[in-house]
N, C-alpha and C. Protein backbone atom coordinates (compact mmCIF):
# COMPACT_ATOMS: atom_id res chain seq x y z
N GLU A 1 8.24 116.88 -34.16
CA GLU A 1 9.27 117.05 -35.16
C GLU A 1 9.31 115.88 -36.10
N LEU A 2 8.65 114.80 -35.76
CA LEU A 2 8.69 113.58 -36.61
C LEU A 2 7.47 113.51 -37.54
N SER A 3 6.78 114.57 -37.77
CA SER A 3 5.75 114.62 -38.75
C SER A 3 6.36 115.24 -40.03
N PRO A 4 5.92 114.78 -41.19
CA PRO A 4 6.48 115.20 -42.45
C PRO A 4 6.34 116.75 -42.60
N TYR A 5 5.26 117.32 -42.02
CA TYR A 5 5.02 118.76 -42.14
C TYR A 5 6.07 119.60 -41.37
N VAL A 6 6.59 119.02 -40.26
CA VAL A 6 7.55 119.73 -39.47
C VAL A 6 8.98 119.42 -39.92
N TRP A 7 9.18 118.08 -40.13
CA TRP A 7 10.54 117.61 -40.59
C TRP A 7 11.23 118.41 -41.71
N GLN A 8 10.39 118.70 -42.67
CA GLN A 8 10.89 119.43 -43.87
C GLN A 8 11.49 120.71 -43.53
N TRP A 9 11.15 121.38 -42.43
CA TRP A 9 11.61 122.73 -42.09
C TRP A 9 12.74 122.67 -41.06
N LEU A 10 13.04 121.49 -40.52
CA LEU A 10 14.15 121.38 -39.48
C LEU A 10 15.51 121.32 -40.15
N SER A 11 16.48 121.74 -39.39
CA SER A 11 17.84 121.64 -39.84
C SER A 11 18.25 120.23 -39.52
N PRO A 12 19.41 119.78 -40.14
CA PRO A 12 19.88 118.39 -39.80
C PRO A 12 20.19 118.22 -38.28
N GLU A 13 20.61 119.26 -37.63
CA GLU A 13 20.87 119.16 -36.14
C GLU A 13 19.51 118.98 -35.43
N GLN A 14 18.48 119.67 -35.90
CA GLN A 14 17.16 119.57 -35.17
C GLN A 14 16.57 118.21 -35.47
N ARG A 15 16.83 117.69 -36.63
CA ARG A 15 16.35 116.37 -37.01
C ARG A 15 17.06 115.28 -36.13
N LEU A 16 18.34 115.43 -35.96
CA LEU A 16 19.06 114.53 -35.05
C LEU A 16 18.57 114.61 -33.62
N SER A 17 18.25 115.82 -33.18
CA SER A 17 17.64 116.01 -31.86
C SER A 17 16.37 115.24 -31.73
N ALA A 18 15.44 115.33 -32.70
CA ALA A 18 14.20 114.70 -32.72
C ALA A 18 14.36 113.20 -32.68
N LEU A 19 15.33 112.65 -33.44
CA LEU A 19 15.61 111.19 -33.48
C LEU A 19 16.22 110.78 -32.10
N SER A 20 17.00 111.58 -31.48
CA SER A 20 17.57 111.28 -30.17
C SER A 20 16.45 111.23 -29.17
N GLU A 21 15.52 112.11 -29.22
CA GLU A 21 14.34 112.06 -28.29
C GLU A 21 13.54 110.80 -28.57
N LEU A 22 13.34 110.45 -29.80
CA LEU A 22 12.65 109.24 -30.10
C LEU A 22 13.30 107.97 -29.39
N GLU A 23 14.64 107.93 -29.60
CA GLU A 23 15.44 106.83 -29.01
C GLU A 23 15.29 106.85 -27.44
N GLN A 24 15.37 108.01 -26.88
CA GLN A 24 15.16 108.10 -25.43
C GLN A 24 13.78 107.62 -24.96
N ASN A 25 12.77 107.96 -25.71
CA ASN A 25 11.37 107.57 -25.35
C ASN A 25 11.25 106.10 -25.59
N VAL A 26 11.72 105.48 -26.63
CA VAL A 26 11.57 104.11 -26.81
C VAL A 26 12.33 103.32 -25.81
N ALA A 27 13.60 103.82 -25.47
CA ALA A 27 14.36 103.11 -24.46
C ALA A 27 13.63 103.11 -23.11
N SER A 28 13.04 104.20 -22.73
CA SER A 28 12.27 104.28 -21.45
C SER A 28 11.14 103.35 -21.50
N ILE A 29 10.40 103.26 -22.63
CA ILE A 29 9.21 102.38 -22.63
C ILE A 29 9.70 100.87 -22.53
N THR A 30 10.86 100.66 -23.11
CA THR A 30 11.30 99.19 -23.21
C THR A 30 12.23 98.87 -22.06
N LEU A 31 12.36 99.76 -21.07
CA LEU A 31 13.11 99.56 -19.85
C LEU A 31 14.55 99.22 -20.04
N ARG A 32 15.22 99.97 -20.95
CA ARG A 32 16.62 99.80 -21.22
C ARG A 32 17.22 101.19 -21.21
N PRO A 33 18.62 101.26 -21.01
CA PRO A 33 19.24 102.57 -21.14
C PRO A 33 19.20 103.05 -22.56
N PRO A 34 19.11 104.37 -22.75
CA PRO A 34 19.07 104.92 -24.13
C PRO A 34 20.52 104.95 -24.73
N CYS A 35 20.54 104.87 -26.03
CA CYS A 35 21.79 105.04 -26.72
C CYS A 35 21.92 106.48 -27.15
N GLU A 36 23.20 106.82 -27.38
CA GLU A 36 23.50 108.13 -27.87
C GLU A 36 23.26 108.07 -29.43
N VAL A 37 22.54 108.88 -30.08
CA VAL A 37 22.33 108.90 -31.49
C VAL A 37 23.27 109.93 -32.10
N VAL A 38 24.12 109.43 -33.07
CA VAL A 38 25.05 110.29 -33.74
C VAL A 38 24.88 110.15 -35.19
N VAL A 39 25.55 111.04 -35.95
CA VAL A 39 25.55 110.99 -37.41
C VAL A 39 26.96 110.74 -37.92
N GLU A 40 26.99 109.92 -38.96
CA GLU A 40 28.25 109.56 -39.57
C GLU A 40 28.10 109.52 -41.11
N GLU A 41 29.14 109.75 -41.83
CA GLU A 41 29.14 109.51 -43.24
C GLU A 41 29.23 108.02 -43.41
N MET A 42 28.38 107.43 -44.21
CA MET A 42 28.34 105.91 -44.49
C MET A 42 28.14 105.73 -45.93
N ASP A 43 28.68 104.60 -46.34
CA ASP A 43 28.49 104.23 -47.73
C ASP A 43 27.65 102.99 -47.86
N GLY A 44 26.46 103.10 -48.43
CA GLY A 44 25.62 101.93 -48.67
C GLY A 44 24.84 101.30 -47.50
N MET A 45 24.79 102.12 -46.40
CA MET A 45 23.96 101.56 -45.32
C MET A 45 23.31 102.79 -44.61
N TYR A 46 22.24 102.43 -43.83
CA TYR A 46 21.49 103.52 -43.17
C TYR A 46 22.00 103.82 -41.74
N GLY A 47 22.55 102.77 -41.12
CA GLY A 47 23.00 103.03 -39.74
C GLY A 47 23.47 101.77 -39.13
N TYR A 48 23.83 101.88 -37.82
CA TYR A 48 24.32 100.68 -37.10
C TYR A 48 24.25 101.06 -35.62
N GLN A 49 24.25 99.94 -34.78
CA GLN A 49 24.22 100.12 -33.35
C GLN A 49 25.43 99.41 -32.80
N CYS A 50 26.19 100.07 -31.95
CA CYS A 50 27.31 99.44 -31.29
C CYS A 50 27.48 99.96 -29.89
N GLY A 51 27.31 99.04 -28.93
CA GLY A 51 27.38 99.41 -27.53
C GLY A 51 26.30 100.43 -27.18
N ASP A 52 26.61 101.60 -26.69
CA ASP A 52 25.60 102.58 -26.32
C ASP A 52 25.46 103.67 -27.35
N LYS A 53 25.74 103.32 -28.66
CA LYS A 53 25.68 104.38 -29.73
C LYS A 53 24.85 103.74 -30.90
N ILE A 54 24.01 104.68 -31.39
CA ILE A 54 23.35 104.36 -32.63
C ILE A 54 23.84 105.42 -33.63
N ALA A 55 24.43 104.96 -34.74
CA ALA A 55 24.96 105.87 -35.73
C ALA A 55 24.09 105.82 -36.91
N LEU A 56 23.72 107.03 -37.45
CA LEU A 56 22.81 107.16 -38.64
C LEU A 56 23.63 107.72 -39.77
N ASN A 57 23.22 107.34 -40.98
CA ASN A 57 23.91 107.88 -42.16
C ASN A 57 23.48 109.37 -42.21
N LYS A 58 24.48 110.15 -42.46
CA LYS A 58 24.34 111.63 -42.58
C LYS A 58 23.33 112.04 -43.58
N GLU A 59 23.33 111.28 -44.70
CA GLU A 59 22.45 111.64 -45.76
C GLU A 59 20.97 111.55 -45.45
N LEU A 60 20.59 110.68 -44.43
CA LEU A 60 19.16 110.59 -43.98
C LEU A 60 18.67 111.93 -43.39
N LEU A 61 19.59 112.62 -42.77
CA LEU A 61 19.23 113.87 -42.05
C LEU A 61 19.31 115.06 -42.94
N GLU A 62 19.94 114.98 -44.09
CA GLU A 62 20.10 116.11 -44.98
C GLU A 62 18.91 116.44 -45.86
N SER A 63 18.03 115.53 -45.99
CA SER A 63 16.87 115.72 -46.84
C SER A 63 15.66 115.89 -46.01
N GLY A 64 14.75 116.78 -46.52
CA GLY A 64 13.52 117.06 -45.73
C GLY A 64 12.27 116.26 -46.34
N ASP A 65 12.56 115.38 -47.20
CA ASP A 65 11.51 114.70 -47.85
C ASP A 65 10.92 113.58 -46.96
N PHE A 66 9.65 113.16 -47.25
CA PHE A 66 8.93 112.21 -46.40
C PHE A 66 9.69 110.88 -46.36
N GLU A 67 10.17 110.35 -47.48
CA GLU A 67 10.82 109.01 -47.47
C GLU A 67 12.12 109.00 -46.61
N SER A 68 12.93 110.12 -46.65
CA SER A 68 14.05 110.23 -45.90
C SER A 68 13.77 110.20 -44.40
N MET A 69 12.71 110.94 -44.05
CA MET A 69 12.29 111.00 -42.66
C MET A 69 11.80 109.60 -42.19
N LYS A 70 11.03 108.94 -43.05
CA LYS A 70 10.59 107.59 -42.61
C LYS A 70 11.77 106.62 -42.42
N GLN A 71 12.73 106.73 -43.34
CA GLN A 71 13.93 105.88 -43.25
C GLN A 71 14.76 106.13 -42.02
N ALA A 72 14.89 107.43 -41.67
CA ALA A 72 15.63 107.81 -40.52
C ALA A 72 14.92 107.35 -39.26
N VAL A 73 13.59 107.51 -39.18
CA VAL A 73 12.83 106.95 -38.05
C VAL A 73 12.96 105.46 -37.95
N SER A 74 12.80 104.76 -39.07
CA SER A 74 12.82 103.33 -39.12
C SER A 74 14.21 102.89 -38.70
N THR A 75 15.29 103.53 -39.13
CA THR A 75 16.64 103.08 -38.89
C THR A 75 16.91 103.28 -37.34
N THR A 76 16.42 104.43 -36.78
CA THR A 76 16.61 104.64 -35.33
C THR A 76 15.91 103.56 -34.55
N LEU A 77 14.67 103.24 -34.93
CA LEU A 77 13.90 102.14 -34.26
C LEU A 77 14.61 100.83 -34.41
N HIS A 78 15.02 100.52 -35.65
CA HIS A 78 15.67 99.21 -35.90
C HIS A 78 16.92 99.02 -35.04
N GLU A 79 17.78 100.09 -35.01
CA GLU A 79 19.08 100.04 -34.30
C GLU A 79 18.79 100.02 -32.82
N GLY A 80 17.71 100.73 -32.36
CA GLY A 80 17.35 100.72 -30.94
C GLY A 80 16.83 99.36 -30.52
N ARG A 81 16.22 98.64 -31.44
CA ARG A 81 15.78 97.27 -31.16
C ARG A 81 16.96 96.35 -30.96
N HIS A 82 18.03 96.61 -31.71
CA HIS A 82 19.27 95.75 -31.48
C HIS A 82 19.81 96.06 -30.03
N ALA A 83 19.72 97.34 -29.60
CA ALA A 83 20.16 97.69 -28.26
C ALA A 83 19.26 96.86 -27.23
N TYR A 84 17.97 96.88 -27.52
CA TYR A 84 17.07 96.10 -26.66
C TYR A 84 17.41 94.66 -26.63
N GLN A 85 17.67 94.07 -27.75
CA GLN A 85 18.07 92.65 -27.82
C GLN A 85 19.37 92.38 -26.94
N ASN A 86 20.33 93.28 -27.13
CA ASN A 86 21.65 93.16 -26.37
C ASN A 86 21.34 93.30 -24.89
N PHE A 87 20.50 94.26 -24.55
CA PHE A 87 20.19 94.46 -23.07
C PHE A 87 19.59 93.25 -22.47
N ASN A 88 18.63 92.60 -23.23
CA ASN A 88 17.95 91.41 -22.76
C ASN A 88 18.90 90.16 -22.62
N ILE A 89 19.91 90.16 -23.43
CA ILE A 89 20.81 88.99 -23.49
C ILE A 89 21.91 89.19 -22.43
N GLU A 90 22.45 90.40 -22.32
CA GLU A 90 23.61 90.67 -21.51
C GLU A 90 23.37 91.27 -20.13
N ASP A 91 22.21 92.00 -19.92
CA ASP A 91 22.12 92.73 -18.73
C ASP A 91 20.93 92.28 -17.86
N CYS A 92 19.73 92.46 -18.41
CA CYS A 92 18.49 92.16 -17.69
C CYS A 92 17.43 91.78 -18.66
N CYS A 93 16.86 90.64 -18.42
CA CYS A 93 15.76 90.22 -19.38
C CYS A 93 14.46 90.82 -18.98
N VAL A 94 14.01 91.83 -19.76
CA VAL A 94 12.75 92.42 -19.49
C VAL A 94 11.71 91.97 -20.56
N GLU A 95 12.16 91.30 -21.58
CA GLU A 95 11.28 90.89 -22.69
C GLU A 95 10.48 89.68 -22.16
N PRO A 96 9.15 89.78 -22.14
CA PRO A 96 8.36 88.64 -21.60
C PRO A 96 8.41 87.35 -22.48
N ASN A 97 8.76 87.46 -23.69
CA ASN A 97 8.84 86.27 -24.64
C ASN A 97 10.27 85.74 -24.48
N HIS A 98 10.48 84.75 -23.52
CA HIS A 98 11.77 84.22 -23.34
C HIS A 98 12.27 83.36 -24.50
N GLU A 99 11.42 82.78 -25.24
CA GLU A 99 11.83 81.96 -26.49
C GLU A 99 12.41 82.97 -27.48
N LEU A 100 11.88 84.23 -27.58
CA LEU A 100 12.41 85.21 -28.51
C LEU A 100 13.83 85.54 -28.06
N VAL A 101 13.99 85.83 -26.76
CA VAL A 101 15.32 86.17 -26.28
C VAL A 101 16.28 84.96 -26.47
N ASP A 102 15.84 83.72 -26.31
CA ASP A 102 16.70 82.56 -26.57
C ASP A 102 17.14 82.52 -28.09
N SER A 103 16.23 82.90 -28.91
CA SER A 103 16.63 82.93 -30.38
C SER A 103 17.67 83.98 -30.65
N TRP A 104 17.56 85.14 -29.95
CA TRP A 104 18.57 86.20 -30.17
C TRP A 104 19.91 85.69 -29.63
N ARG A 105 19.90 85.12 -28.44
CA ARG A 105 21.09 84.60 -27.81
C ARG A 105 21.75 83.48 -28.60
N LEU A 106 20.96 82.65 -29.16
CA LEU A 106 21.53 81.63 -30.06
C LEU A 106 22.09 82.24 -31.25
N ASN A 107 21.48 83.17 -31.83
CA ASN A 107 22.02 83.93 -33.03
C ASN A 107 23.31 84.53 -32.70
N TYR A 108 23.42 85.17 -31.57
CA TYR A 108 24.75 85.75 -31.17
C TYR A 108 25.77 84.72 -30.86
N ASP A 109 25.38 83.62 -30.12
CA ASP A 109 26.29 82.56 -29.78
C ASP A 109 26.87 81.86 -31.02
N MET A 110 26.00 81.70 -32.01
CA MET A 110 26.41 81.02 -33.21
C MET A 110 27.16 81.93 -34.13
N GLY A 111 27.26 83.16 -33.88
CA GLY A 111 27.98 84.13 -34.66
C GLY A 111 27.12 84.99 -35.41
N TYR A 112 26.75 86.17 -34.84
CA TYR A 112 26.01 87.17 -35.55
C TYR A 112 26.86 87.60 -36.69
N GLU A 113 26.29 87.47 -37.90
CA GLU A 113 26.97 87.86 -39.05
C GLU A 113 26.72 89.28 -39.45
N ASP A 114 27.69 90.14 -39.10
CA ASP A 114 27.51 91.53 -39.26
C ASP A 114 28.36 92.07 -40.40
N GLY A 115 27.79 92.60 -41.40
CA GLY A 115 28.43 93.04 -42.58
C GLY A 115 29.41 94.18 -42.24
N ASP A 116 29.18 94.94 -41.22
CA ASP A 116 30.12 96.09 -40.90
C ASP A 116 31.43 95.62 -40.36
N THR A 117 31.43 94.46 -39.64
CA THR A 117 32.75 94.03 -39.03
C THR A 117 33.49 93.17 -39.97
N GLY A 118 32.89 92.83 -41.03
CA GLY A 118 33.66 91.94 -42.03
C GLY A 118 33.51 90.50 -41.76
N ILE A 119 32.76 90.08 -40.68
CA ILE A 119 32.58 88.64 -40.40
C ILE A 119 31.69 88.02 -41.53
N PHE A 120 30.81 88.84 -42.02
CA PHE A 120 29.84 88.37 -43.01
C PHE A 120 30.32 88.88 -44.37
N ASP A 121 30.51 87.94 -45.32
CA ASP A 121 30.98 88.28 -46.65
C ASP A 121 29.74 88.28 -47.56
N PHE A 122 29.18 89.47 -47.86
CA PHE A 122 28.01 89.51 -48.69
C PHE A 122 28.17 88.88 -50.04
N ALA A 123 29.32 89.05 -50.65
CA ALA A 123 29.59 88.52 -51.97
C ALA A 123 29.62 86.98 -51.95
N GLN A 124 30.08 86.39 -50.89
CA GLN A 124 30.22 84.97 -50.81
C GLN A 124 28.88 84.36 -50.33
N MET A 125 28.24 84.95 -49.28
CA MET A 125 27.09 84.28 -48.70
C MET A 125 25.78 84.90 -49.11
N GLY A 126 25.75 86.14 -49.50
CA GLY A 126 24.56 86.81 -49.93
C GLY A 126 23.87 87.55 -48.81
N LEU A 127 23.15 88.59 -49.23
CA LEU A 127 22.47 89.43 -48.34
C LEU A 127 21.28 88.70 -47.60
N LYS A 128 20.64 87.70 -48.34
CA LYS A 128 19.55 87.04 -47.77
C LYS A 128 19.94 86.35 -46.46
N ARG A 129 21.03 85.76 -46.31
CA ARG A 129 21.46 85.07 -45.05
C ARG A 129 21.52 86.07 -43.99
N TYR A 130 22.12 87.27 -44.25
CA TYR A 130 22.21 88.24 -43.27
C TYR A 130 20.86 88.68 -42.76
N LEU A 131 20.03 89.01 -43.71
CA LEU A 131 18.67 89.57 -43.42
C LEU A 131 17.82 88.56 -42.73
N THR A 132 18.03 87.29 -42.80
CA THR A 132 17.12 86.27 -42.23
C THR A 132 17.61 85.82 -40.85
N GLN A 133 18.64 86.40 -40.29
CA GLN A 133 19.05 86.05 -38.93
C GLN A 133 17.94 86.51 -37.95
N PRO A 134 17.69 85.75 -36.90
CA PRO A 134 16.65 86.12 -35.89
C PRO A 134 16.70 87.61 -35.44
N VAL A 135 17.93 88.09 -35.17
CA VAL A 135 18.05 89.41 -34.59
C VAL A 135 17.73 90.46 -35.62
N GLU A 136 18.05 90.20 -36.91
CA GLU A 136 17.68 91.12 -37.99
C GLU A 136 16.22 91.12 -38.36
N VAL A 137 15.61 89.94 -38.35
CA VAL A 137 14.23 89.83 -38.62
C VAL A 137 13.41 90.62 -37.60
N ASP A 138 13.73 90.34 -36.33
CA ASP A 138 13.04 90.95 -35.22
C ASP A 138 13.16 92.52 -35.27
N ALA A 139 14.39 92.99 -35.52
CA ALA A 139 14.55 94.41 -35.59
C ALA A 139 13.84 95.05 -36.71
N ARG A 140 13.80 94.39 -37.88
CA ARG A 140 13.18 94.90 -39.08
C ARG A 140 11.64 94.87 -38.82
N VAL A 141 11.13 93.84 -38.34
CA VAL A 141 9.67 93.77 -38.10
C VAL A 141 9.20 94.79 -37.02
N PHE A 142 9.99 94.99 -35.99
CA PHE A 142 9.67 95.95 -35.02
C PHE A 142 9.64 97.31 -35.57
N ALA A 143 10.66 97.72 -36.31
CA ALA A 143 10.70 99.06 -36.92
C ALA A 143 9.58 99.26 -37.92
N GLN A 144 9.39 98.26 -38.76
CA GLN A 144 8.32 98.41 -39.81
C GLN A 144 6.94 98.47 -39.22
N SER A 145 6.74 97.75 -38.09
CA SER A 145 5.35 97.82 -37.49
C SER A 145 5.14 99.19 -36.90
N VAL A 146 6.10 99.75 -36.21
CA VAL A 146 5.97 101.08 -35.65
C VAL A 146 5.73 102.10 -36.76
N VAL A 147 6.64 102.14 -37.73
CA VAL A 147 6.58 103.09 -38.81
C VAL A 147 5.20 102.95 -39.56
N GLY A 148 4.83 101.73 -39.80
CA GLY A 148 3.61 101.40 -40.49
C GLY A 148 2.33 102.00 -39.71
N ASN A 149 2.43 101.89 -38.42
CA ASN A 149 1.25 102.38 -37.67
C ASN A 149 1.25 103.88 -37.50
N VAL A 150 2.43 104.45 -37.45
CA VAL A 150 2.55 105.89 -37.30
C VAL A 150 2.28 106.66 -38.59
N TYR A 151 2.82 106.18 -39.70
CA TYR A 151 2.81 106.87 -40.98
C TYR A 151 1.91 106.18 -41.99
N ALA A 152 0.90 105.46 -41.58
CA ALA A 152 0.03 104.81 -42.44
C ALA A 152 -0.92 105.73 -43.23
């Protein structure tokens, strides 16, 4: 379902099901519990992860075009990576690179600046500071590397 040839013919519900299956598979591979993937109306963002939930922008699933599909897959992977980061910090460290986990932990301990919660003021501090946090860089690189390898 995550090929551009199939995606274009799926309903939004079928697209959500395919992305949920992707999240379940990635969670299994990375030895963490899967998140529930849901759809929400959002303004100006693609998605977020909170606890055991990954929320995706409804607009990503309404379009059958290739770019929307890639962004939906990338967002699912990115937010799933945040779940992986949290799992390693809070529950069970399965990540072999302990220095990487330490950077995530330090990022959270020093105050993860999340634009959704209002802790981070984009107007005052800028988007660059948010995007260069260790947890954001890691999640973005992870998602981009997978998407780049699959849809190259």
